[in-house]
Structure formats: structure tokens, C-alpha cells
Amino acid sequence: MAWQKDHKQKTREKILNSGAKLFTLKGFDKVGINDVMADAGLTRGAFYSHFASKSELYAESMRVAGARRAKNILSRSPEESSAALRALVNGYLSQGHRNSEDGGCPLAFLVTDIAQQDEQVRDVYTEVFRGFMDMLSSRLIHPETGQASEIRVQARKTEAMQKTVMMVGGMAIARALNDDDLAEELLNACREGMLQGIPATA
């Protein structure tokens, strides 16, 4: 029984990882259950042992994609310092992230896909957005002292929201452009805006 439970969990994880990759790259409508299961190396028949619907899989896959992107960011910028903030911004607003074939940040990659989805999916997108904003807020640096900012909680929340939108929106628009040079200019402009006033070293 223990093997079966472990096997079922691993199978679910394989489906979610494939869903996170495919949905993030192609969106809800262009990915079918068969596509996800084939990518996971499984048959369609196994799908309904784990998920009630494609919409449920989409929502859970978005949560997995968000957690994966957050883990990637935190592993590169674990500390609260100007250097960590720069690493976070430069990694996110990069051509490598824009051209990712493994699926990037679902906030940016799926932004045009979400408005047409059901409440379950939009709830998860909202959850991922809040998580990203909180993560960014925890890394905002006071440019003069290098220490965590002591501005009022609401002001800090507003700042984090503005910067989250600059990062997510910048990446989303860069992905929509079919001019690589213009996309790079846009990403550069967003990086400069994000890092304005942040010292180059901790």
C-alpha cells in the first residue's frame, strides 16, 4: 500500500510538471489532456484518478509553475541585499526567461489567458500574484542604508505592487513582441526602472 501511495503521488507530480510546462508555454486552449499525459509519459486513462477536469489541472499546474519560479528566484537571491535584488530583477527581466522552453513565470506567461478562465483558475492566479508581490516586498532595499525599508506598511505594499507590475507586465509585453531588439530595449528599460536608486553592491 505504501508503494502504491508513493507511486500515485509521483504520477500526480509528473502530470503537474508537464501541465506547468505546457500550459505556461501555450495557454489553456491550445493544450489538451492528451498533450499533458503524453508529455508525462502516461495514458489518458490515468488522468481522472488525479484530477476532476482540465480546469482543475490548469489551476494546480499554475500553482506548481509559480512555486518553481519562486524557488528559482530565491535560490539565486536568498538574502535581503542590493546584490540579491539585482540578481532577482536581472534574472526575471532577461531574454533567457522570455525565451524559456520549460515554462516561465505564469503571471507573465499566462496574463492574457486568465481573464477567460473560471473562478478556480483566477483564484490561483491571484494567489500566485500575491505570493510574488510578498516575495518582492521582502527584498525591497532602502537605497541609502542597504537595510530593509522602514516605510509604512501600506507604502511598502504599494511600492511592491508597482514593481511587481513593472516586472510581470514588462515580461508579458516583451513576450508578445515579435521584434527581439525592441523586446530587449523594453526589458532593459524595465530593469533600469526597477533598479533605479539601488546600489550596485550590498
N, C-alpha and C. Protein backbone atom coordinates (compact mmCIF):
# COMPACT_ATOMS: atom_id res chain seq x y z
N MET A 1 0.82 -1.22 0.00
CA MET A 1 0.00 0.00 0.00
C MET A 1 0.85 1.26 0.00
N ALA A 2 1.96 1.20 0.78
CA ALA A 2 2.84 2.38 0.84
C ALA A 2 3.42 2.67 -0.54
N TRP A 3 3.80 1.61 -1.26
CA TRP A 3 4.35 1.80 -2.61
C TRP A 3 3.31 2.42 -3.52
N GLN A 4 2.07 1.94 -3.41
CA GLN A 4 1.01 2.47 -4.27
C GLN A 4 0.74 3.94 -3.98
N LYS A 5 0.74 4.32 -2.71
CA LYS A 5 0.52 5.71 -2.35
C LYS A 5 1.64 6.59 -2.89
N ASP A 6 2.89 6.13 -2.74
CA ASP A 6 4.04 6.88 -3.24
C ASP A 6 4.00 6.95 -4.76
N HIS A 7 3.63 5.86 -5.39
CA HIS A 7 3.55 5.82 -6.85
C HIS A 7 2.48 6.79 -7.35
N LYS A 8 1.35 6.84 -6.68
CA LYS A 8 0.27 7.73 -7.10
C LYS A 8 0.69 9.18 -6.97
N GLN A 9 1.41 9.52 -5.89
CA GLN A 9 1.87 10.89 -5.69
C GLN A 9 2.89 11.28 -6.77
N LYS A 10 3.78 10.36 -7.08
CA LYS A 10 4.78 10.64 -8.11
C LYS A 10 4.13 10.81 -9.48
N THR A 11 3.10 10.02 -9.75
CA THR A 11 2.38 10.16 -11.01
C THR A 11 1.69 11.52 -11.09
N ARG A 12 1.08 11.92 -10.00
CA ARG A 12 0.43 13.24 -9.95
C ARG A 12 1.43 14.35 -10.20
N GLU A 13 2.61 14.23 -9.59
CA GLU A 13 3.65 15.24 -9.77
C GLU A 13 4.12 15.31 -11.22
N LYS A 14 4.22 14.15 -11.87
CA LYS A 14 4.62 14.13 -13.29
C LYS A 14 3.60 14.86 -14.15
N ILE A 15 2.32 14.62 -13.86
CA ILE A 15 1.26 15.28 -14.62
C ILE A 15 1.31 16.79 -14.38
N LEU A 16 1.49 17.18 -13.14
CA LEU A 16 1.53 18.61 -12.81
C LEU A 16 2.74 19.29 -13.44
N ASN A 17 3.88 18.63 -13.43
CA ASN A 17 5.07 19.23 -14.04
C ASN A 17 4.89 19.41 -15.55
N SER A 18 4.28 18.42 -16.19
CA SER A 18 4.01 18.55 -17.62
C SER A 18 2.97 19.63 -17.87
N GLY A 19 1.95 19.69 -17.04
CA GLY A 19 0.94 20.73 -17.17
C GLY A 19 1.53 22.11 -16.98
N ALA A 20 2.38 22.26 -15.97
CA ALA A 20 3.01 23.57 -15.71
C ALA A 20 3.81 24.03 -16.92
N LYS A 21 4.54 23.11 -17.54
CA LYS A 21 5.35 23.46 -18.71
C LYS A 21 4.48 23.80 -19.91
N LEU A 22 3.55 22.92 -20.24
CA LEU A 22 2.77 23.10 -21.47
C LEU A 22 1.77 24.25 -21.38
N PHE A 23 1.07 24.36 -20.26
CA PHE A 23 0.10 25.44 -20.13
C PHE A 23 0.80 26.80 -20.12
N THR A 24 1.93 26.88 -19.43
CA THR A 24 2.64 28.15 -19.36
C THR A 24 3.12 28.59 -20.73
N LEU A 25 3.54 27.63 -21.54
CA LEU A 25 4.05 27.97 -22.87
C LEU A 25 2.94 28.23 -23.89
N LYS A 26 1.81 27.51 -23.77
CA LYS A 26 0.80 27.56 -24.83
C LYS A 26 -0.56 28.07 -24.41
N GLY A 27 -0.82 28.13 -23.11
CA GLY A 27 -2.13 28.57 -22.67
C GLY A 27 -3.13 27.43 -22.57
N PHE A 28 -4.30 27.74 -22.02
CA PHE A 28 -5.31 26.73 -21.73
C PHE A 28 -5.87 26.06 -22.98
N ASP A 29 -6.27 26.87 -23.95
CA ASP A 29 -7.00 26.34 -25.11
C ASP A 29 -6.15 25.49 -26.05
N LYS A 30 -4.86 25.75 -26.10
CA LYS A 30 -4.00 25.04 -27.05
C LYS A 30 -3.37 23.78 -26.47
N VAL A 31 -3.72 23.45 -25.25
CA VAL A 31 -3.19 22.24 -24.61
C VAL A 31 -4.35 21.36 -24.18
N GLY A 32 -4.34 20.12 -24.63
CA GLY A 32 -5.37 19.18 -24.24
C GLY A 32 -4.86 18.21 -23.19
N ILE A 33 -5.79 17.49 -22.60
CA ILE A 33 -5.42 16.48 -21.60
C ILE A 33 -4.47 15.45 -22.22
N ASN A 34 -4.75 15.06 -23.46
CA ASN A 34 -3.88 14.10 -24.13
C ASN A 34 -2.45 14.62 -24.26
N ASP A 35 -2.30 15.92 -24.54
CA ASP A 35 -0.97 16.52 -24.68
C ASP A 35 -0.20 16.43 -23.37
N VAL A 36 -0.87 16.76 -22.27
CA VAL A 36 -0.22 16.73 -20.96
C VAL A 36 0.18 15.31 -20.60
N MET A 37 -0.74 14.38 -20.80
CA MET A 37 -0.45 13.00 -20.42
C MET A 37 0.66 12.40 -21.28
N ALA A 38 0.67 12.75 -22.57
CA ALA A 38 1.74 12.25 -23.45
C ALA A 38 3.09 12.80 -23.01
N ASP A 39 3.13 14.09 -22.67
CA ASP A 39 4.37 14.70 -22.21
C ASP A 39 4.86 14.05 -20.92
N ALA A 40 3.91 13.65 -20.08
CA ALA A 40 4.26 12.99 -18.81
C ALA A 40 4.59 11.51 -18.99
N GLY A 41 4.39 11.01 -20.23
CA GLY A 41 4.66 9.60 -20.49
C GLY A 41 3.60 8.68 -19.93
N LEU A 42 2.36 9.18 -19.87
CA LEU A 42 1.26 8.42 -19.29
C LEU A 42 0.09 8.36 -20.27
N THR A 43 -0.86 7.46 -20.00
CA THR A 43 -2.05 7.35 -20.83
C THR A 43 -3.15 8.25 -20.29
N ARG A 44 -4.08 8.62 -21.15
CA ARG A 44 -5.18 9.49 -20.74
C ARG A 44 -5.99 8.88 -19.60
N GLY A 45 -6.08 7.56 -19.60
CA GLY A 45 -6.88 6.90 -18.59
C GLY A 45 -6.46 7.20 -17.16
N ALA A 46 -5.18 7.54 -16.97
CA ALA A 46 -4.69 7.83 -15.62
C ALA A 46 -5.10 9.22 -15.13
N PHE A 47 -5.51 10.06 -16.05
CA PHE A 47 -5.78 11.46 -15.70
C PHE A 47 -6.83 11.61 -14.61
N TYR A 48 -7.96 10.94 -14.77
CA TYR A 48 -9.09 11.17 -13.87
C TYR A 48 -8.93 10.51 -12.51
N SER A 49 -7.84 9.80 -12.32
CA SER A 49 -7.51 9.30 -10.98
C SER A 49 -6.91 10.42 -10.13
N HIS A 50 -6.53 11.51 -10.80
CA HIS A 50 -5.84 12.60 -10.10
C HIS A 50 -6.56 13.94 -10.18
N PHE A 51 -7.30 14.17 -11.25
CA PHE A 51 -7.94 15.48 -11.45
C PHE A 51 -9.36 15.29 -11.99
N ALA A 52 -10.25 16.17 -11.55
CA ALA A 52 -11.65 16.07 -11.97
C ALA A 52 -11.87 16.68 -13.35
N SER A 53 -11.00 17.61 -13.74
CA SER A 53 -11.20 18.31 -15.00
C SER A 53 -9.90 18.94 -15.47
N LYS A 54 -9.90 19.36 -16.71
CA LYS A 54 -8.76 20.09 -17.27
C LYS A 54 -8.57 21.41 -16.53
N SER A 55 -9.66 22.05 -16.15
CA SER A 55 -9.58 23.33 -15.43
C SER A 55 -8.89 23.16 -14.08
N GLU A 56 -9.18 22.06 -13.40
CA GLU A 56 -8.52 21.79 -12.12
C GLU A 56 -7.02 21.58 -12.33
N LEU A 57 -6.67 20.82 -13.36
CA LEU A 57 -5.26 20.61 -13.67
C LEU A 57 -4.57 21.93 -14.00
N TYR A 58 -5.24 22.77 -14.76
CA TYR A 58 -4.67 24.07 -15.14
C TYR A 58 -4.37 24.91 -13.90
N ALA A 59 -5.34 24.97 -12.99
CA ALA A 59 -5.16 25.75 -11.77
C ALA A 59 -4.00 25.21 -10.93
N GLU A 60 -3.97 23.89 -10.73
CA GLU A 60 -2.90 23.30 -9.93
C GLU A 60 -1.55 23.43 -10.62
N SER A 61 -1.54 23.34 -11.94
CA SER A 61 -0.29 23.49 -12.69
C SER A 61 0.25 24.90 -12.56
N MET A 62 -0.64 25.88 -12.54
CA MET A 62 -0.20 27.27 -12.38
C MET A 62 0.45 27.47 -11.01
N ARG A 63 -0.11 26.83 -10.00
CA ARG A 63 0.47 26.93 -8.66
C ARG A 63 1.87 26.29 -8.65
N VAL A 64 2.01 25.16 -9.32
CA VAL A 64 3.32 24.50 -9.41
C VAL A 64 4.32 25.37 -10.16
N ALA A 65 3.88 25.97 -11.28
CA ALA A 65 4.77 26.83 -12.06
C ALA A 65 5.21 28.04 -11.24
N GLY A 66 4.28 28.61 -10.48
CA GLY A 66 4.62 29.76 -9.63
C GLY A 66 5.61 29.39 -8.55
N ALA A 67 5.41 28.24 -7.93
CA ALA A 67 6.32 27.78 -6.87
C ALA A 67 7.70 27.48 -7.44
N ARG A 68 7.74 26.91 -8.64
CA ARG A 68 9.02 26.61 -9.28
C ARG A 68 9.78 27.89 -9.60
N ARG A 69 9.09 28.89 -10.13
CA ARG A 69 9.74 30.17 -10.45
C ARG A 69 10.22 30.84 -9.17
N ALA A 70 9.42 30.79 -8.09
CA ALA A 70 9.82 31.39 -6.83
C ALA A 70 11.06 30.70 -6.27
N LYS A 71 11.09 29.37 -6.35
CA LYS A 71 12.25 28.61 -5.87
C LYS A 71 13.49 29.00 -6.65
N ASN A 72 13.34 29.16 -7.97
CA ASN A 72 14.46 29.55 -8.81
C ASN A 72 14.98 30.93 -8.42
N ILE A 73 14.06 31.85 -8.18
CA ILE A 73 14.45 33.21 -7.80
C ILE A 73 15.14 33.21 -6.44
N LEU A 74 14.55 32.50 -5.48
CA LEU A 74 15.09 32.52 -4.12
C LEU A 74 16.45 31.83 -4.04
N SER A 75 16.67 30.84 -4.88
CA SER A 75 17.96 30.16 -4.86
C SER A 75 19.08 31.06 -5.37
N ARG A 76 18.72 32.02 -6.23
CA ARG A 76 19.72 32.93 -6.77
C ARG A 76 19.85 34.20 -5.94
N SER A 77 18.84 34.52 -5.15
CA SER A 77 18.89 35.74 -4.36
C SER A 77 18.27 35.50 -2.99
N PRO A 78 18.95 34.67 -2.17
CA PRO A 78 18.37 34.28 -0.89
C PRO A 78 18.42 35.36 0.18
N GLU A 79 19.28 36.34 0.02
CA GLU A 79 19.44 37.33 1.07
C GLU A 79 18.71 38.61 0.75
N GLU A 80 18.54 39.41 1.80
CA GLU A 80 17.95 40.74 1.63
C GLU A 80 19.10 41.72 1.47
N SER A 81 19.50 41.97 0.24
CA SER A 81 20.60 42.87 -0.04
C SER A 81 20.41 43.46 -1.42
N SER A 82 21.14 44.51 -1.72
CA SER A 82 21.02 45.12 -3.03
C SER A 82 21.49 44.16 -4.12
N ALA A 83 22.54 43.37 -3.83
CA ALA A 83 23.03 42.41 -4.81
C ALA A 83 21.98 41.35 -5.10
N ALA A 84 21.27 40.90 -4.06
CA ALA A 84 20.23 39.89 -4.24
C ALA A 84 19.07 40.46 -5.05
N LEU A 85 18.71 41.70 -4.77
CA LEU A 85 17.62 42.32 -5.52
C LEU A 85 17.99 42.47 -6.99
N ARG A 86 19.22 42.87 -7.24
CA ARG A 86 19.68 43.00 -8.63
C ARG A 86 19.66 41.64 -9.34
N ALA A 87 20.08 40.60 -8.65
CA ALA A 87 20.07 39.26 -9.25
C ALA A 87 18.65 38.83 -9.58
N LEU A 88 17.74 39.12 -8.69
CA LEU A 88 16.34 38.78 -8.91
C LEU A 88 15.80 39.48 -10.16
N VAL A 89 16.00 40.80 -10.21
CA VAL A 89 15.48 41.61 -11.33
C VAL A 89 16.13 41.21 -12.64
N ASN A 90 17.45 41.09 -12.65
CA ASN A 90 18.16 40.77 -13.89
C ASN A 90 17.80 39.39 -14.42
N GLY A 91 17.58 38.44 -13.51
CA GLY A 91 17.19 37.11 -13.95
C GLY A 91 15.78 37.06 -14.51
N TYR A 92 14.88 37.77 -13.87
CA TYR A 92 13.48 37.76 -14.31
C TYR A 92 13.32 38.51 -15.62
N LEU A 93 13.88 39.71 -15.70
CA LEU A 93 13.72 40.55 -16.89
C LEU A 93 14.86 40.28 -17.89
N SER A 94 14.97 39.02 -18.28
CA SER A 94 16.06 38.61 -19.17
C SER A 94 15.50 37.93 -20.42
N GLN A 95 16.30 37.89 -21.47
CA GLN A 95 15.91 37.18 -22.68
C GLN A 95 15.83 35.67 -22.41
N GLY A 96 16.66 35.19 -21.50
CA GLY A 96 16.60 33.77 -21.17
C GLY A 96 15.24 33.38 -20.61
N HIS A 97 14.72 34.23 -19.71
CA HIS A 97 13.39 33.98 -19.16
C HIS A 97 12.33 34.13 -20.24
N ARG A 98 12.44 35.17 -21.05
CA ARG A 98 11.48 35.43 -22.13
C ARG A 98 11.39 34.24 -23.09
N ASN A 99 12.52 33.63 -23.39
CA ASN A 99 12.57 32.55 -24.38
C ASN A 99 12.52 31.16 -23.77
N SER A 100 12.20 31.08 -22.49
CA SER A 100 12.21 29.80 -21.80
C SER A 100 11.31 28.77 -22.48
N GLU A 101 11.83 27.57 -22.66
CA GLU A 101 11.06 26.48 -23.24
C GLU A 101 10.54 25.53 -22.17
N ASP A 102 10.92 25.77 -20.94
CA ASP A 102 10.47 24.92 -19.85
C ASP A 102 9.30 25.54 -19.10
N GLY A 103 8.88 26.73 -19.55
CA GLY A 103 7.80 27.42 -18.87
C GLY A 103 8.37 28.42 -17.89
N GLY A 104 7.99 29.67 -18.02
CA GLY A 104 8.49 30.71 -17.13
C GLY A 104 7.46 31.07 -16.09
N CYS A 105 7.51 32.31 -15.64
CA CYS A 105 6.60 32.79 -14.61
C CYS A 105 5.17 32.78 -15.15
N PRO A 106 4.25 32.07 -14.50
CA PRO A 106 2.87 32.02 -15.01
C PRO A 106 2.18 33.37 -14.98
N LEU A 107 2.60 34.26 -14.09
CA LEU A 107 1.99 35.59 -14.05
C LEU A 107 2.18 36.33 -15.36
N ALA A 108 3.38 36.24 -15.92
CA ALA A 108 3.68 36.92 -17.18
C ALA A 108 3.28 36.08 -18.39
N PHE A 109 3.53 34.79 -18.34
CA PHE A 109 3.31 33.93 -19.50
C PHE A 109 1.83 33.67 -19.76
N LEU A 110 1.00 33.78 -18.71
CA LEU A 110 -0.42 33.45 -18.86
C LEU A 110 -1.35 34.65 -18.68
N VAL A 111 -0.78 35.85 -18.63
CA VAL A 111 -1.60 37.01 -18.28
C VAL A 111 -2.76 37.21 -19.24
N THR A 112 -2.59 36.94 -20.53
CA THR A 112 -3.67 37.12 -21.50
C THR A 112 -4.64 35.94 -21.51
N ASP A 113 -4.29 34.89 -20.82
CA ASP A 113 -5.07 33.66 -20.83
C ASP A 113 -6.08 33.61 -19.67
N ILE A 114 -5.80 34.35 -18.61
CA ILE A 114 -6.52 34.17 -17.35
C ILE A 114 -7.93 34.75 -17.35
N ALA A 115 -8.11 35.91 -17.97
CA ALA A 115 -9.41 36.59 -17.90
C ALA A 115 -10.55 35.74 -18.43
N GLN A 116 -10.25 34.79 -19.34
CA GLN A 116 -11.29 33.95 -19.92
C GLN A 116 -11.54 32.67 -19.12
N GLN A 117 -10.80 32.47 -18.02
CA GLN A 117 -10.91 31.23 -17.27
C GLN A 117 -11.92 31.35 -16.12
N ASP A 118 -12.22 30.21 -15.50
CA ASP A 118 -13.21 30.21 -14.43
C ASP A 118 -12.63 30.73 -13.12
N GLU A 119 -13.49 30.84 -12.12
CA GLU A 119 -13.07 31.45 -10.84
C GLU A 119 -11.98 30.64 -10.15
N GLN A 120 -12.03 29.33 -10.27
CA GLN A 120 -11.00 28.50 -9.65
C GLN A 120 -9.62 28.87 -10.17
N VAL A 121 -9.52 29.02 -11.48
CA VAL A 121 -8.24 29.37 -12.10
C VAL A 121 -7.83 30.78 -11.71
N ARG A 122 -8.77 31.72 -11.75
CA ARG A 122 -8.44 33.11 -11.42
C ARG A 122 -8.06 33.25 -9.94
N ASP A 123 -8.67 32.43 -9.09
CA ASP A 123 -8.29 32.43 -7.67
C ASP A 123 -6.82 32.05 -7.50
N VAL A 124 -6.39 31.02 -8.25
CA VAL A 124 -4.99 30.57 -8.14
C VAL A 124 -4.06 31.64 -8.70
N TYR A 125 -4.42 32.25 -9.83
CA TYR A 125 -3.59 33.31 -10.40
C TYR A 125 -3.44 34.45 -9.38
N THR A 126 -4.53 34.82 -8.72
CA THR A 126 -4.50 35.87 -7.70
C THR A 126 -3.59 35.47 -6.54
N GLU A 127 -3.67 34.20 -6.15
CA GLU A 127 -2.81 33.67 -5.07
C GLU A 127 -1.33 33.77 -5.45
N VAL A 128 -1.02 33.37 -6.69
CA VAL A 128 0.37 33.42 -7.16
C VAL A 128 0.85 34.87 -7.24
N PHE A 129 -0.02 35.78 -7.69
CA PHE A 129 0.34 37.20 -7.76
C PHE A 129 0.67 37.74 -6.37
N ARG A 130 -0.19 37.44 -5.41
CA ARG A 130 0.06 37.91 -4.03
C ARG A 130 1.38 37.35 -3.50
N GLY A 131 1.64 36.07 -3.79
CA GLY A 131 2.88 35.46 -3.32
C GLY A 131 4.10 36.12 -3.93
N PHE A 132 4.04 36.43 -5.22
CA PHE A 132 5.15 37.10 -5.89
C PHE A 132 5.36 38.49 -5.30
N MET A 133 4.27 39.20 -5.08
CA MET A 133 4.36 40.55 -4.53
C MET A 133 4.95 40.52 -3.12
N ASP A 134 4.54 39.56 -2.30
CA ASP A 134 5.07 39.44 -0.95
C ASP A 134 6.56 39.12 -0.97
N MET A 135 6.95 38.22 -1.89
CA MET A 135 8.36 37.85 -2.02
C MET A 135 9.19 39.07 -2.42
N LEU A 136 8.67 39.85 -3.36
CA LEU A 136 9.39 41.04 -3.80
C LEU A 136 9.44 42.08 -2.69
N SER A 137 8.35 42.25 -1.98
CA SER A 137 8.30 43.21 -0.88
C SER A 137 9.35 42.91 0.18
N SER A 138 9.57 41.62 0.44
CA SER A 138 10.54 41.23 1.47
C SER A 138 11.97 41.54 1.05
N ARG A 139 12.17 41.84 -0.25
CA ARG A 139 13.51 42.11 -0.76
C ARG A 139 13.75 43.57 -1.13
N LEU A 140 12.76 44.41 -0.93
CA LEU A 140 12.96 45.83 -1.24
C LEU A 140 13.98 46.43 -0.28
N ILE A 141 14.89 47.17 -0.85
CA ILE A 141 16.03 47.70 -0.09
C ILE A 141 15.95 49.22 -0.02
N HIS A 142 16.26 49.75 1.17
CA HIS A 142 16.39 51.20 1.28
C HIS A 142 17.70 51.60 0.62
N PRO A 143 17.67 52.44 -0.42
CA PRO A 143 18.87 52.72 -1.21
C PRO A 143 20.01 53.37 -0.45
N GLU A 144 19.73 54.04 0.66
CA GLU A 144 20.81 54.75 1.36
C GLU A 144 21.48 53.90 2.42
N THR A 145 20.72 53.05 3.09
CA THR A 145 21.29 52.28 4.19
C THR A 145 21.60 50.84 3.83
N GLY A 146 20.98 50.32 2.76
CA GLY A 146 21.17 48.93 2.42
C GLY A 146 20.36 48.00 3.30
N GLN A 147 19.58 48.58 4.21
CA GLN A 147 18.76 47.77 5.10
C GLN A 147 17.33 47.74 4.59
N ALA A 148 16.53 46.82 5.16
CA ALA A 148 15.13 46.74 4.78
C ALA A 148 14.45 48.06 5.06
N SER A 149 13.64 48.51 4.14
CA SER A 149 12.97 49.79 4.27
C SER A 149 12.04 49.79 5.47
N GLU A 150 11.94 50.96 6.15
CA GLU A 150 11.07 51.11 7.31
C GLU A 150 9.88 52.01 6.99
N ILE A 151 9.58 52.18 5.72
CA ILE A 151 8.42 52.97 5.36
C ILE A 151 7.17 52.26 5.81
N ARG A 152 6.10 53.00 5.90
CA ARG A 152 4.84 52.43 6.37
C ARG A 152 4.45 51.20 5.56
N VAL A 153 3.74 50.29 6.19
CA VAL A 153 3.37 49.02 5.57
C VAL A 153 2.61 49.26 4.27
N GLN A 154 1.68 50.19 4.26
CA GLN A 154 0.90 50.43 3.05
C GLN A 154 1.77 50.99 1.93
N ALA A 155 2.69 51.89 2.30
CA ALA A 155 3.57 52.45 1.28
C ALA A 155 4.46 51.36 0.69
N ARG A 156 4.92 50.47 1.53
CA ARG A 156 5.77 49.38 1.04
C ARG A 156 4.97 48.44 0.15
N LYS A 157 3.71 48.18 0.54
CA LYS A 157 2.86 47.33 -0.28
C LYS A 157 2.63 47.96 -1.65
N THR A 158 2.40 49.29 -1.65
CA THR A 158 2.20 49.99 -2.92
C THR A 158 3.44 49.91 -3.79
N GLU A 159 4.60 50.10 -3.18
CA GLU A 159 5.86 50.02 -3.91
C GLU A 159 6.05 48.62 -4.50
N ALA A 160 5.76 47.59 -3.68
CA ALA A 160 5.91 46.22 -4.15
C ALA A 160 4.95 45.93 -5.30
N MET A 161 3.74 46.46 -5.20
CA MET A 161 2.77 46.25 -6.27
C MET A 161 3.22 46.91 -7.56
N GLN A 162 3.73 48.14 -7.45
CA GLN A 162 4.21 48.85 -8.64
C GLN A 162 5.35 48.07 -9.31
N LYS A 163 6.28 47.59 -8.51
CA LYS A 163 7.43 46.89 -9.06
C LYS A 163 7.04 45.51 -9.61
N THR A 164 6.08 44.86 -8.96
CA THR A 164 5.59 43.58 -9.47
C THR A 164 4.98 43.77 -10.85
N VAL A 165 4.17 44.82 -10.99
CA VAL A 165 3.54 45.09 -12.28
C VAL A 165 4.58 45.45 -13.34
N MET A 166 5.63 46.17 -12.95
CA MET A 166 6.68 46.51 -13.91
C MET A 166 7.40 45.24 -14.39
N MET A 167 7.66 44.32 -13.47
CA MET A 167 8.35 43.10 -13.85
C MET A 167 7.45 42.18 -14.66
N VAL A 168 6.28 41.89 -14.14
CA VAL A 168 5.36 40.96 -14.81
C VAL A 168 4.88 41.55 -16.14
N GLY A 169 4.47 42.83 -16.10
CA GLY A 169 3.98 43.48 -17.32
C GLY A 169 5.07 43.62 -18.35
N GLY A 170 6.27 43.97 -17.91
CA GLY A 170 7.39 44.10 -18.84
C GLY A 170 7.68 42.79 -19.54
N MET A 171 7.70 41.69 -18.77
CA MET A 171 7.96 40.39 -19.37
C MET A 171 6.82 39.96 -20.29
N ALA A 172 5.59 40.20 -19.88
CA ALA A 172 4.44 39.81 -20.70
C ALA A 172 4.45 40.52 -22.04
N ILE A 173 4.74 41.83 -22.04
CA ILE A 173 4.77 42.58 -23.29
C ILE A 173 5.97 42.16 -24.14
N ALA A 174 7.12 41.95 -23.49
CA ALA A 174 8.31 41.51 -24.24
C ALA A 174 8.04 40.19 -24.95
N ARG A 175 7.28 39.31 -24.33
CA ARG A 175 6.95 38.03 -24.95
C ARG A 175 5.98 38.20 -26.11
N ALA A 176 5.16 39.23 -26.05
CA ALA A 176 4.18 39.45 -27.11
C ALA A 176 4.80 40.08 -28.35
N LEU A 177 5.94 40.76 -28.19
CA LEU A 177 6.59 41.43 -29.31
C LEU A 177 7.30 40.41 -30.21
N ASN A 178 7.26 40.66 -31.53
CA ASN A 178 7.99 39.79 -32.44
C ASN A 178 9.26 40.44 -32.96
N ASP A 179 9.67 41.50 -32.29
CA ASP A 179 10.92 42.21 -32.61
C ASP A 179 11.85 42.03 -31.42
N ASP A 180 12.86 41.17 -31.57
CA ASP A 180 13.76 40.86 -30.46
C ASP A 180 14.51 42.08 -29.96
N ASP A 181 14.91 42.97 -30.85
CA ASP A 181 15.64 44.16 -30.43
C ASP A 181 14.76 45.07 -29.59
N LEU A 182 13.52 45.25 -30.03
CA LEU A 182 12.59 46.08 -29.26
C LEU A 182 12.28 45.44 -27.92
N ALA A 183 12.14 44.13 -27.91
CA ALA A 183 11.88 43.42 -26.66
C ALA A 183 13.04 43.61 -25.68
N GLU A 184 14.27 43.57 -26.21
CA GLU A 184 15.44 43.78 -25.34
C GLU A 184 15.47 45.20 -24.81
N GLU A 185 15.11 46.17 -25.64
CA GLU A 185 15.04 47.56 -25.18
C GLU A 185 14.02 47.69 -24.05
N LEU A 186 12.89 47.04 -24.23
CA LEU A 186 11.85 47.08 -23.21
C LEU A 186 12.33 46.46 -21.90
N LEU A 187 12.96 45.29 -21.99
CA LEU A 187 13.46 44.63 -20.79
C LEU A 187 14.53 45.48 -20.10
N ASN A 188 15.40 46.11 -20.90
CA ASN A 188 16.42 47.00 -20.34
C ASN A 188 15.77 48.16 -19.61
N ALA A 189 14.74 48.75 -20.22
CA ALA A 189 14.06 49.88 -19.60
C ALA A 189 13.41 49.48 -18.28
N CYS A 190 12.81 48.29 -18.27
CA CYS A 190 12.18 47.81 -17.04
C CYS A 190 13.22 47.51 -15.96
N ARG A 191 14.36 46.94 -16.38
CA ARG A 191 15.43 46.68 -15.40
C ARG A 191 15.93 47.99 -14.80
N GLU A 192 16.15 49.00 -15.66
CA GLU A 192 16.61 50.29 -15.16
C GLU A 192 15.60 50.90 -14.20
N GLY A 193 14.31 50.81 -14.55
CA GLY A 193 13.28 51.34 -13.68
C GLY A 193 13.23 50.62 -12.34
N MET A 194 13.38 49.31 -12.38
CA MET A 194 13.35 48.52 -11.15
C MET A 194 14.52 48.83 -10.24
N LEU A 195 15.70 49.04 -10.84
CA LEU A 195 16.94 49.16 -10.05
C LEU A 195 17.35 50.60 -9.80
N GLN A 196 16.56 51.56 -10.24
CA GLN A 196 16.89 52.96 -10.03
C GLN A 196 17.02 53.25 -8.53
N GLY A 197 18.16 53.77 -8.14
CA GLY A 197 18.38 54.09 -6.74
C GLY A 197 18.91 52.95 -5.89
N ILE A 198 19.00 51.76 -6.49
CA ILE A 198 19.52 50.61 -5.73
C ILE A 198 21.02 50.52 -5.98
N PRO A 199 21.83 50.53 -4.92
CA PRO A 199 23.28 50.49 -5.11
C PRO A 199 23.74 49.21 -5.79
N ALA A 200 24.85 49.31 -6.53
CA ALA A 200 25.35 48.16 -7.28
C ALA A 200 25.90 47.07 -6.37
N THR A 201 26.31 47.42 -5.16
CA THR A 201 26.82 46.44 -4.21
C THR A 201 26.08 46.58 -2.90
N ALA A 202 26.10 45.49 -2.13
CA ALA A 202 25.38 45.48 -0.84
C ALA A 202 26.01 46.44 0.14
